[in-house]
Amino acid sequence: DINLTEEEYAFGVDKTQPELLEKTNAFIAEIMADGTFDAICNNYFGDGTPLQFSSATLDTSKEQLVVATSTGFEPFEMVENGKYSGIDLEIAYYFAQELGIEVVIQDMQFEAVVNAVQTGTCDIGMAGLSVTPARAEVVTFTDSYYNASQVVICLDTDTTFDACETGDEVAKLLGELDA
């Protein structure tokens, strides 16, 4: 029951689109308040049914929500048989519906997500992005929507960490075990 790390997840928005940031933050607040976010999480952590959808084709002649992501970070971003799903991508889908526009998913290496938003190639990065000072220099982060932490999971019969009271004590023991 001891967190080793804690991270806040947020979406990275193109700094030249403050109106998109405002709309995204309003949408996050809305889905948090009305239970939609909990229902989306239940689709991946509970007994709900995940939404699967296809990306629209990028068409620069019309307004679309172009999302930079990196599938393979389950349960936040996934792709199977050309259909997208995951917590972040469900949020993207419903947000685009709220805006009355199509969602275009641009799947790329994780390291490219922030750059795609920074350069204006994509409007928003939705890829399990943890808020860091370096990333905040090049994109504007939305309000946080998810807090993640890392813990050690072991058998209930394993007493290795029973005397630990802090994350530092757990990390020290892990280091000793690796030595």
N, C-alpha and C. Protein backbone atom coordinates (compact mmCIF):
# COMPACT_ATOMS: atom_id res chain seq x y z
N ASP A 1 0.81 -1.21 0.00
CA ASP A 1 0.00 0.00 0.00
C ASP A 1 0.85 1.27 0.00
N ILE A 2 2.09 1.16 -0.49
CA ILE A 2 2.99 2.31 -0.53
C ILE A 2 3.27 2.67 -1.98
N ASN A 3 2.98 3.92 -2.34
CA ASN A 3 3.25 4.37 -3.70
C ASN A 3 4.73 4.68 -3.87
N LEU A 4 5.32 4.11 -4.93
CA LEU A 4 6.72 4.40 -5.24
C LEU A 4 6.84 5.67 -6.07
N THR A 5 5.92 5.86 -6.99
CA THR A 5 5.89 7.07 -7.81
C THR A 5 4.44 7.50 -7.95
N GLU A 6 4.27 8.76 -8.23
CA GLU A 6 2.94 9.28 -8.53
C GLU A 6 3.06 10.21 -9.73
N GLU A 7 2.15 10.06 -10.66
CA GLU A 7 2.15 10.88 -11.86
C GLU A 7 0.74 11.38 -12.12
N GLU A 8 0.66 12.58 -12.65
CA GLU A 8 -0.61 13.12 -13.11
C GLU A 8 -0.64 13.00 -14.62
N TYR A 9 -1.73 12.46 -15.16
CA TYR A 9 -1.92 12.40 -16.60
C TYR A 9 -2.80 13.57 -17.03
N ALA A 10 -2.42 14.17 -18.13
CA ALA A 10 -3.19 15.26 -18.72
C ALA A 10 -3.00 15.18 -20.23
N PHE A 11 -3.77 15.96 -20.96
CA PHE A 11 -3.62 16.00 -22.41
C PHE A 11 -2.78 17.22 -22.76
N GLY A 12 -1.94 17.07 -23.77
CA GLY A 12 -1.11 18.18 -24.22
C GLY A 12 -1.78 18.86 -25.41
N VAL A 13 -1.99 20.17 -25.29
CA VAL A 13 -2.69 20.93 -26.33
C VAL A 13 -1.71 21.88 -27.01
N ASP A 14 -1.88 22.04 -28.31
CA ASP A 14 -1.10 22.99 -29.09
C ASP A 14 -1.20 24.37 -28.44
N LYS A 15 -0.04 24.98 -28.12
CA LYS A 15 -0.02 26.28 -27.44
C LYS A 15 -0.71 27.38 -28.24
N THR A 16 -0.85 27.19 -29.55
CA THR A 16 -1.48 28.22 -30.37
C THR A 16 -3.00 28.08 -30.42
N GLN A 17 -3.54 27.14 -29.63
CA GLN A 17 -4.99 26.91 -29.62
C GLN A 17 -5.57 27.04 -28.20
N PRO A 18 -5.51 28.25 -27.62
CA PRO A 18 -6.04 28.40 -26.26
C PRO A 18 -7.53 28.09 -26.15
N GLU A 19 -8.28 28.29 -27.23
CA GLU A 19 -9.70 27.97 -27.19
C GLU A 19 -9.93 26.47 -27.09
N LEU A 20 -9.05 25.67 -27.71
CA LEU A 20 -9.15 24.22 -27.60
C LEU A 20 -8.83 23.79 -26.17
N LEU A 21 -7.84 24.41 -25.56
CA LEU A 21 -7.52 24.12 -24.16
C LEU A 21 -8.73 24.39 -23.27
N GLU A 22 -9.36 25.52 -23.48
CA GLU A 22 -10.52 25.89 -22.67
C GLU A 22 -11.66 24.89 -22.85
N LYS A 23 -11.92 24.50 -24.09
CA LYS A 23 -12.99 23.54 -24.36
C LYS A 23 -12.66 22.16 -23.79
N THR A 24 -11.38 21.78 -23.87
CA THR A 24 -10.97 20.47 -23.35
C THR A 24 -11.11 20.44 -21.83
N ASN A 25 -10.66 21.50 -21.17
CA ASN A 25 -10.80 21.54 -19.71
C ASN A 25 -12.27 21.52 -19.29
N ALA A 26 -13.11 22.22 -20.01
CA ALA A 26 -14.54 22.21 -19.70
C ALA A 26 -15.11 20.80 -19.89
N PHE A 27 -14.68 20.12 -20.94
CA PHE A 27 -15.17 18.77 -21.20
C PHE A 27 -14.69 17.81 -20.12
N ILE A 28 -13.43 17.92 -19.73
CA ILE A 28 -12.91 17.06 -18.65
C ILE A 28 -13.73 17.28 -17.37
N ALA A 29 -13.97 18.53 -17.03
CA ALA A 29 -14.76 18.83 -15.82
C ALA A 29 -16.15 18.23 -15.93
N GLU A 30 -16.75 18.34 -17.10
CA GLU A 30 -18.11 17.81 -17.32
C GLU A 30 -18.15 16.30 -17.14
N ILE A 31 -17.22 15.57 -17.77
CA ILE A 31 -17.27 14.10 -17.69
C ILE A 31 -16.87 13.59 -16.31
N MET A 32 -16.09 14.37 -15.60
CA MET A 32 -15.76 14.00 -14.21
C MET A 32 -17.00 14.18 -13.33
N ALA A 33 -17.73 15.26 -13.54
CA ALA A 33 -18.89 15.58 -12.70
C ALA A 33 -20.10 14.69 -12.98
N ASP A 34 -20.31 14.33 -14.25
CA ASP A 34 -21.54 13.59 -14.58
C ASP A 34 -21.38 12.06 -14.58
N GLY A 35 -20.19 11.57 -14.23
CA GLY A 35 -19.97 10.13 -14.14
C GLY A 35 -19.49 9.47 -15.42
N THR A 36 -19.39 10.22 -16.50
CA THR A 36 -18.93 9.64 -17.77
C THR A 36 -17.51 9.10 -17.66
N PHE A 37 -16.63 9.85 -16.99
CA PHE A 37 -15.25 9.38 -16.85
C PHE A 37 -15.21 8.05 -16.09
N ASP A 38 -15.97 7.94 -15.03
CA ASP A 38 -16.01 6.69 -14.26
C ASP A 38 -16.54 5.55 -15.13
N ALA A 39 -17.53 5.83 -15.96
CA ALA A 39 -18.09 4.80 -16.84
C ALA A 39 -17.04 4.36 -17.87
N ILE A 40 -16.28 5.32 -18.39
CA ILE A 40 -15.22 4.98 -19.34
C ILE A 40 -14.19 4.09 -18.65
N CYS A 41 -13.76 4.47 -17.46
CA CYS A 41 -12.79 3.65 -16.72
C CYS A 41 -13.34 2.25 -16.44
N ASN A 42 -14.64 2.15 -16.15
CA ASN A 42 -15.26 0.86 -15.91
C ASN A 42 -15.18 -0.04 -17.15
N ASN A 43 -15.14 0.58 -18.32
CA ASN A 43 -15.00 -0.21 -19.54
C ASN A 43 -13.67 -0.96 -19.60
N TYR A 44 -12.67 -0.48 -18.87
CA TYR A 44 -11.33 -1.07 -18.93
C TYR A 44 -10.89 -1.71 -17.63
N PHE A 45 -11.42 -1.23 -16.50
CA PHE A 45 -11.04 -1.77 -15.20
C PHE A 45 -12.16 -2.59 -14.57
N GLY A 46 -13.32 -2.57 -15.17
CA GLY A 46 -14.47 -3.25 -14.60
C GLY A 46 -15.14 -4.13 -15.61
N ASP A 47 -16.46 -4.14 -15.56
CA ASP A 47 -17.23 -5.05 -16.41
C ASP A 47 -17.91 -4.34 -17.58
N GLY A 48 -17.52 -3.11 -17.86
CA GLY A 48 -18.11 -2.38 -18.98
C GLY A 48 -17.59 -2.89 -20.32
N THR A 49 -18.15 -2.36 -21.38
CA THR A 49 -17.74 -2.74 -22.73
C THR A 49 -17.00 -1.59 -23.38
N PRO A 50 -15.72 -1.79 -23.69
CA PRO A 50 -14.95 -0.71 -24.31
C PRO A 50 -15.53 -0.29 -25.66
N LEU A 51 -15.50 1.00 -25.91
CA LEU A 51 -15.86 1.55 -27.20
C LEU A 51 -14.74 1.26 -28.18
N GLN A 52 -15.08 0.83 -29.37
CA GLN A 52 -14.10 0.67 -30.44
C GLN A 52 -14.59 1.49 -31.62
N PHE A 53 -13.69 2.27 -32.20
CA PHE A 53 -14.11 3.14 -33.30
C PHE A 53 -12.99 3.27 -34.32
N SER A 54 -13.36 3.72 -35.50
CA SER A 54 -12.39 3.97 -36.56
C SER A 54 -12.06 5.45 -36.61
N SER A 55 -10.85 5.73 -36.98
CA SER A 55 -10.42 7.12 -37.17
C SER A 55 -10.98 7.64 -38.48
N ALA A 56 -11.34 8.92 -38.46
CA ALA A 56 -11.68 9.57 -39.73
C ALA A 56 -10.39 9.77 -40.51
N THR A 57 -10.50 9.97 -41.79
CA THR A 57 -9.34 10.26 -42.63
C THR A 57 -9.03 11.75 -42.52
N LEU A 58 -7.76 12.04 -42.35
CA LEU A 58 -7.34 13.44 -42.25
C LEU A 58 -7.73 14.20 -43.51
N ASP A 59 -8.41 15.31 -43.33
CA ASP A 59 -8.86 16.15 -44.43
C ASP A 59 -8.68 17.61 -44.00
N THR A 60 -7.63 18.23 -44.48
CA THR A 60 -7.31 19.60 -44.05
C THR A 60 -8.31 20.64 -44.54
N SER A 61 -9.26 20.24 -45.39
CA SER A 61 -10.26 21.19 -45.87
C SER A 61 -11.42 21.37 -44.90
N LYS A 62 -11.44 20.54 -43.82
CA LYS A 62 -12.52 20.68 -42.84
C LYS A 62 -11.97 20.61 -41.43
N GLU A 63 -12.78 21.09 -40.50
CA GLU A 63 -12.36 21.07 -39.11
C GLU A 63 -12.48 19.66 -38.55
N GLN A 64 -11.39 19.19 -37.96
CA GLN A 64 -11.35 17.88 -37.32
C GLN A 64 -10.52 18.00 -36.05
N LEU A 65 -10.71 17.07 -35.13
CA LEU A 65 -9.86 16.98 -33.95
C LEU A 65 -8.78 15.96 -34.27
N VAL A 66 -7.56 16.43 -34.45
CA VAL A 66 -6.44 15.56 -34.82
C VAL A 66 -5.67 15.22 -33.54
N VAL A 67 -5.69 13.95 -33.18
CA VAL A 67 -5.15 13.47 -31.91
C VAL A 67 -3.86 12.69 -32.15
N ALA A 68 -2.79 13.14 -31.50
CA ALA A 68 -1.53 12.39 -31.50
C ALA A 68 -1.60 11.38 -30.36
N THR A 69 -1.32 10.12 -30.65
CA THR A 69 -1.32 9.09 -29.62
C THR A 69 -0.28 8.03 -29.94
N SER A 70 -0.11 7.14 -29.02
CA SER A 70 0.80 6.02 -29.21
C SER A 70 0.13 4.78 -28.64
N THR A 71 -0.48 4.01 -29.51
CA THR A 71 -1.19 2.82 -29.05
C THR A 71 -0.20 1.81 -28.48
N GLY A 72 -0.72 0.98 -27.62
CA GLY A 72 0.12 -0.02 -26.97
C GLY A 72 0.31 0.28 -25.49
N PHE A 73 -0.30 1.36 -25.01
CA PHE A 73 -0.24 1.69 -23.59
C PHE A 73 -1.61 1.39 -22.99
N GLU A 74 -1.88 0.09 -22.88
CA GLU A 74 -3.17 -0.36 -22.36
C GLU A 74 -3.30 0.01 -20.89
N PRO A 75 -4.43 0.41 -20.41
CA PRO A 75 -5.71 0.50 -21.09
C PRO A 75 -6.02 1.90 -21.62
N PHE A 76 -5.01 2.74 -21.80
CA PHE A 76 -5.25 4.11 -22.23
C PHE A 76 -5.33 4.27 -23.74
N GLU A 77 -4.49 3.57 -24.49
CA GLU A 77 -4.51 3.64 -25.95
C GLU A 77 -4.25 2.26 -26.53
N MET A 78 -5.18 1.84 -27.37
CA MET A 78 -5.06 0.52 -27.99
C MET A 78 -5.62 0.57 -29.41
N VAL A 79 -5.14 -0.33 -30.24
CA VAL A 79 -5.70 -0.50 -31.57
C VAL A 79 -5.72 -2.00 -31.87
N GLU A 80 -6.84 -2.43 -32.41
CA GLU A 80 -6.98 -3.83 -32.80
C GLU A 80 -7.84 -3.89 -34.05
N ASN A 81 -7.30 -4.51 -35.09
CA ASN A 81 -8.01 -4.63 -36.37
C ASN A 81 -8.48 -3.28 -36.89
N GLY A 82 -7.62 -2.26 -36.71
CA GLY A 82 -7.94 -0.93 -37.22
C GLY A 82 -8.94 -0.15 -36.39
N LYS A 83 -9.38 -0.70 -35.28
CA LYS A 83 -10.33 -0.03 -34.39
C LYS A 83 -9.58 0.46 -33.14
N TYR A 84 -9.84 1.70 -32.78
CA TYR A 84 -9.19 2.31 -31.63
C TYR A 84 -10.05 2.19 -30.39
N SER A 85 -9.39 2.06 -29.24
CA SER A 85 -10.08 2.02 -27.95
C SER A 85 -9.09 2.45 -26.87
N GLY A 86 -9.59 2.55 -25.67
CA GLY A 86 -8.76 2.95 -24.55
C GLY A 86 -9.36 4.17 -23.87
N ILE A 87 -8.97 4.38 -22.64
CA ILE A 87 -9.53 5.48 -21.85
C ILE A 87 -9.35 6.80 -22.57
N ASP A 88 -8.10 7.12 -22.95
CA ASP A 88 -7.84 8.40 -23.62
C ASP A 88 -8.58 8.52 -24.94
N LEU A 89 -8.60 7.44 -25.69
CA LEU A 89 -9.21 7.51 -27.02
C LEU A 89 -10.73 7.54 -26.95
N GLU A 90 -11.33 6.95 -25.92
CA GLU A 90 -12.78 7.13 -25.73
C GLU A 90 -13.07 8.59 -25.41
N ILE A 91 -12.24 9.17 -24.57
CA ILE A 91 -12.42 10.59 -24.25
C ILE A 91 -12.30 11.41 -25.53
N ALA A 92 -11.32 11.11 -26.37
CA ALA A 92 -11.15 11.83 -27.63
C ALA A 92 -12.39 11.70 -28.51
N TYR A 93 -12.92 10.49 -28.59
CA TYR A 93 -14.11 10.23 -29.42
C TYR A 93 -15.29 11.07 -28.93
N TYR A 94 -15.56 11.02 -27.63
CA TYR A 94 -16.71 11.76 -27.09
C TYR A 94 -16.48 13.27 -27.14
N PHE A 95 -15.23 13.69 -26.97
CA PHE A 95 -14.92 15.11 -27.06
C PHE A 95 -15.18 15.62 -28.48
N ALA A 96 -14.76 14.88 -29.48
CA ALA A 96 -15.01 15.27 -30.87
C ALA A 96 -16.51 15.33 -31.14
N GLN A 97 -17.26 14.37 -30.60
CA GLN A 97 -18.73 14.42 -30.74
C GLN A 97 -19.28 15.69 -30.11
N GLU A 98 -18.79 16.03 -28.93
CA GLU A 98 -19.23 17.25 -28.24
C GLU A 98 -18.95 18.49 -29.11
N LEU A 99 -17.80 18.48 -29.79
CA LEU A 99 -17.42 19.60 -30.65
C LEU A 99 -18.16 19.58 -31.99
N GLY A 100 -18.78 18.44 -32.30
CA GLY A 100 -19.48 18.30 -33.58
C GLY A 100 -18.56 18.10 -34.76
N ILE A 101 -17.39 17.49 -34.50
CA ILE A 101 -16.42 17.26 -35.57
C ILE A 101 -15.92 15.81 -35.51
N GLU A 102 -15.24 15.40 -36.56
CA GLU A 102 -14.67 14.06 -36.60
C GLU A 102 -13.37 14.02 -35.80
N VAL A 103 -13.04 12.83 -35.32
CA VAL A 103 -11.76 12.62 -34.66
C VAL A 103 -10.84 11.85 -35.60
N VAL A 104 -9.62 12.36 -35.74
CA VAL A 104 -8.59 11.72 -36.55
C VAL A 104 -7.49 11.26 -35.59
N ILE A 105 -7.22 9.98 -35.58
CA ILE A 105 -6.18 9.42 -34.72
C ILE A 105 -4.90 9.28 -35.52
N GLN A 106 -3.86 9.91 -35.02
CA GLN A 106 -2.52 9.80 -35.61
C GLN A 106 -1.68 8.97 -34.64
N ASP A 107 -1.50 7.70 -34.96
CA ASP A 107 -0.77 6.77 -34.11
C ASP A 107 0.72 6.87 -34.44
N MET A 108 1.55 7.07 -33.42
CA MET A 108 2.99 7.28 -33.64
C MET A 108 3.76 6.76 -32.44
N GLN A 109 5.08 6.80 -32.54
CA GLN A 109 5.92 6.45 -31.40
C GLN A 109 5.65 7.45 -30.28
N PHE A 110 5.68 6.98 -29.04
CA PHE A 110 5.36 7.84 -27.90
C PHE A 110 6.23 9.09 -27.88
N GLU A 111 7.50 8.94 -28.20
CA GLU A 111 8.43 10.06 -28.16
C GLU A 111 8.06 11.16 -29.14
N ALA A 112 7.26 10.88 -30.14
CA ALA A 112 6.87 11.85 -31.17
C ALA A 112 5.58 12.59 -30.82
N VAL A 113 4.84 12.14 -29.84
CA VAL A 113 3.51 12.71 -29.55
C VAL A 113 3.60 14.19 -29.20
N VAL A 114 4.42 14.55 -28.26
CA VAL A 114 4.52 15.95 -27.84
C VAL A 114 5.02 16.81 -28.99
N ASN A 115 5.99 16.32 -29.75
CA ASN A 115 6.50 17.07 -30.90
C ASN A 115 5.42 17.30 -31.95
N ALA A 116 4.57 16.31 -32.17
CA ALA A 116 3.49 16.46 -33.15
C ALA A 116 2.52 17.57 -32.74
N VAL A 117 2.30 17.72 -31.45
CA VAL A 117 1.43 18.78 -30.95
C VAL A 117 2.18 20.12 -31.02
N GLN A 118 3.43 20.11 -30.59
CA GLN A 118 4.24 21.33 -30.58
C GLN A 118 4.35 21.94 -31.98
N THR A 119 4.51 21.11 -32.98
CA THR A 119 4.69 21.61 -34.35
C THR A 119 3.37 21.91 -35.05
N GLY A 120 2.24 21.61 -34.40
CA GLY A 120 0.95 21.87 -35.00
C GLY A 120 0.48 20.80 -35.95
N THR A 121 1.20 19.69 -36.03
CA THR A 121 0.77 18.57 -36.86
C THR A 121 -0.51 17.97 -36.31
N CYS A 122 -0.62 17.96 -34.98
CA CYS A 122 -1.81 17.46 -34.29
C CYS A 122 -2.29 18.53 -33.33
N ASP A 123 -3.60 18.51 -33.04
CA ASP A 123 -4.19 19.49 -32.14
C ASP A 123 -3.92 19.18 -30.68
N ILE A 124 -3.93 17.89 -30.36
CA ILE A 124 -3.88 17.48 -28.96
C ILE A 124 -3.17 16.13 -28.85
N GLY A 125 -2.40 15.97 -27.80
CA GLY A 125 -1.75 14.69 -27.51
C GLY A 125 -2.51 13.99 -26.40
N MET A 126 -2.97 12.79 -26.70
CA MET A 126 -3.73 11.99 -25.73
C MET A 126 -3.07 10.61 -25.71
N ALA A 127 -2.08 10.48 -24.82
CA ALA A 127 -1.26 9.28 -24.86
C ALA A 127 -0.74 8.90 -23.48
N GLY A 128 -1.59 9.00 -22.47
CA GLY A 128 -1.11 8.71 -21.12
C GLY A 128 0.05 9.61 -20.76
N LEU A 129 -0.06 10.88 -21.12
CA LEU A 129 1.04 11.82 -20.90
C LEU A 129 1.11 12.24 -19.44
N SER A 130 2.25 12.02 -18.84
CA SER A 130 2.46 12.56 -17.51
C SER A 130 2.94 13.99 -17.65
N VAL A 131 2.50 14.82 -16.73
CA VAL A 131 2.85 16.24 -16.75
C VAL A 131 4.28 16.38 -16.25
N THR A 132 5.15 16.93 -17.10
CA THR A 132 6.53 17.19 -16.72
C THR A 132 6.90 18.62 -17.11
N PRO A 133 7.85 19.22 -16.42
CA PRO A 133 8.27 20.58 -16.78
C PRO A 133 8.77 20.68 -18.23
N ALA A 134 9.51 19.69 -18.69
CA ALA A 134 10.04 19.74 -20.06
C ALA A 134 8.91 19.73 -21.08
N ARG A 135 7.91 18.90 -20.87
CA ARG A 135 6.78 18.86 -21.80
C ARG A 135 5.96 20.14 -21.72
N ALA A 136 5.83 20.69 -20.52
CA ALA A 136 5.04 21.91 -20.32
C ALA A 136 5.68 23.12 -21.01
N GLU A 137 6.94 23.02 -21.36
CA GLU A 137 7.59 24.11 -22.10
C GLU A 137 7.10 24.19 -23.54
N VAL A 138 6.62 23.06 -24.08
CA VAL A 138 6.30 23.03 -25.51
C VAL A 138 4.82 22.78 -25.82
N VAL A 139 4.07 22.29 -24.84
CA VAL A 139 2.62 22.14 -25.00
C VAL A 139 1.95 22.70 -23.75
N THR A 140 0.69 23.02 -23.89
CA THR A 140 -0.09 23.45 -22.73
C THR A 140 -0.86 22.24 -22.23
N PHE A 141 -0.71 21.94 -20.96
CA PHE A 141 -1.41 20.80 -20.40
C PHE A 141 -2.81 21.18 -19.95
N THR A 142 -3.73 20.27 -20.18
CA THR A 142 -5.08 20.42 -19.65
C THR A 142 -5.04 20.16 -18.15
N ASP A 143 -6.18 20.32 -17.53
CA ASP A 143 -6.31 19.88 -16.15
C ASP A 143 -6.05 18.38 -16.12
N SER A 144 -5.50 17.91 -15.02
CA SER A 144 -5.22 16.50 -14.87
C SER A 144 -6.54 15.71 -14.82
N TYR A 145 -6.53 14.54 -15.43
CA TYR A 145 -7.73 13.71 -15.41
C TYR A 145 -7.49 12.35 -14.76
N TYR A 146 -6.20 12.02 -14.47
CA TYR A 146 -5.92 10.70 -13.90
C TYR A 146 -4.63 10.77 -13.10
N ASN A 147 -4.64 10.17 -11.93
CA ASN A 147 -3.44 10.05 -11.11
C ASN A 147 -3.00 8.59 -11.12
N ALA A 148 -1.77 8.37 -11.53
CA ALA A 148 -1.23 7.02 -11.60
C ALA A 148 -0.11 6.89 -10.57
N SER A 149 0.03 5.71 -10.03
CA SER A 149 1.12 5.45 -9.12
C SER A 149 1.65 4.05 -9.39
N GLN A 150 2.89 3.85 -8.99
CA GLN A 150 3.50 2.54 -9.11
C GLN A 150 3.69 1.96 -7.72
N VAL A 151 3.37 0.70 -7.60
CA VAL A 151 3.51 -0.02 -6.34
C VAL A 151 4.17 -1.36 -6.62
N VAL A 152 4.66 -1.99 -5.57
CA VAL A 152 5.19 -3.34 -5.68
C VAL A 152 4.06 -4.30 -5.34
N ILE A 153 3.90 -5.29 -6.18
CA ILE A 153 2.89 -6.33 -5.93
C ILE A 153 3.65 -7.63 -5.68
N CYS A 154 3.32 -8.28 -4.60
CA CYS A 154 3.98 -9.54 -4.28
C CYS A 154 2.95 -10.49 -3.64
N LEU A 155 3.34 -11.71 -3.50
CA LEU A 155 2.47 -12.69 -2.87
C LEU A 155 2.17 -12.29 -1.43
N ASP A 156 1.01 -12.61 -0.95
CA ASP A 156 0.66 -12.24 0.43
C ASP A 156 1.52 -12.97 1.46
N THR A 157 2.19 -14.01 1.05
CA THR A 157 3.09 -14.74 1.96
C THR A 157 4.49 -14.13 1.99
N ASP A 158 4.80 -13.21 1.07
CA ASP A 158 6.11 -12.55 1.02
C ASP A 158 6.14 -11.42 2.03
N THR A 159 7.07 -11.46 2.95
CA THR A 159 7.17 -10.45 4.01
C THR A 159 8.31 -9.46 3.78
N THR A 160 8.91 -9.49 2.60
CA THR A 160 10.07 -8.64 2.31
C THR A 160 9.84 -7.18 2.62
N PHE A 161 8.66 -6.67 2.33
CA PHE A 161 8.40 -5.24 2.44
C PHE A 161 7.53 -4.87 3.63
N ASP A 162 7.23 -5.82 4.50
CA ASP A 162 6.31 -5.57 5.61
C ASP A 162 6.76 -4.45 6.55
N ALA A 163 8.05 -4.28 6.75
CA ALA A 163 8.55 -3.27 7.68
C ALA A 163 8.66 -1.89 7.03
N CYS A 164 8.45 -1.80 5.73
CA CYS A 164 8.59 -0.53 5.02
C CYS A 164 7.41 0.39 5.31
N GLU A 165 7.73 1.67 5.49
CA GLU A 165 6.69 2.67 5.71
C GLU A 165 6.68 3.75 4.66
N THR A 166 7.74 3.83 3.84
CA THR A 166 7.84 4.87 2.81
C THR A 166 8.27 4.26 1.48
N GLY A 167 8.02 5.02 0.43
CA GLY A 167 8.46 4.60 -0.90
C GLY A 167 9.97 4.49 -0.98
N ASP A 168 10.68 5.37 -0.30
CA ASP A 168 12.15 5.32 -0.30
C ASP A 168 12.65 4.02 0.32
N GLU A 169 12.00 3.56 1.39
CA GLU A 169 12.40 2.30 2.01
C GLU A 169 12.16 1.12 1.07
N VAL A 170 11.04 1.15 0.35
CA VAL A 170 10.76 0.08 -0.62
C VAL A 170 11.79 0.12 -1.74
N ALA A 171 12.08 1.32 -2.26
CA ALA A 171 13.06 1.46 -3.34
C ALA A 171 14.44 0.96 -2.90
N LYS A 172 14.83 1.26 -1.67
CA LYS A 172 16.13 0.80 -1.16
C LYS A 172 16.18 -0.72 -1.14
N LEU A 173 15.11 -1.33 -0.65
CA LEU A 173 15.07 -2.79 -0.62
C LEU A 173 15.10 -3.37 -2.03
N LEU A 174 14.39 -2.75 -2.95
CA LEU A 174 14.41 -3.23 -4.33
C LEU A 174 15.82 -3.15 -4.91
N GLY A 175 16.52 -2.05 -4.59
CA GLY A 175 17.91 -1.90 -5.04
C GLY A 175 18.81 -2.98 -4.46
N GLU A 176 18.60 -3.31 -3.20
CA GLU A 176 19.40 -4.37 -2.57
C GLU A 176 19.08 -5.71 -3.18
N LEU A 177 17.83 -5.95 -3.55
CA LEU A 177 17.44 -7.21 -4.16
C LEU A 177 18.05 -7.35 -5.56
N ASP A 178 18.20 -6.22 -6.27
CA ASP A 178 18.78 -6.24 -7.61
C ASP A 178 20.30 -6.43 -7.57
N ALA A 179 20.93 -6.09 -6.45
CA ALA A 179 22.40 -6.13 -6.35
C ALA A 179 22.94 -7.55 -6.31
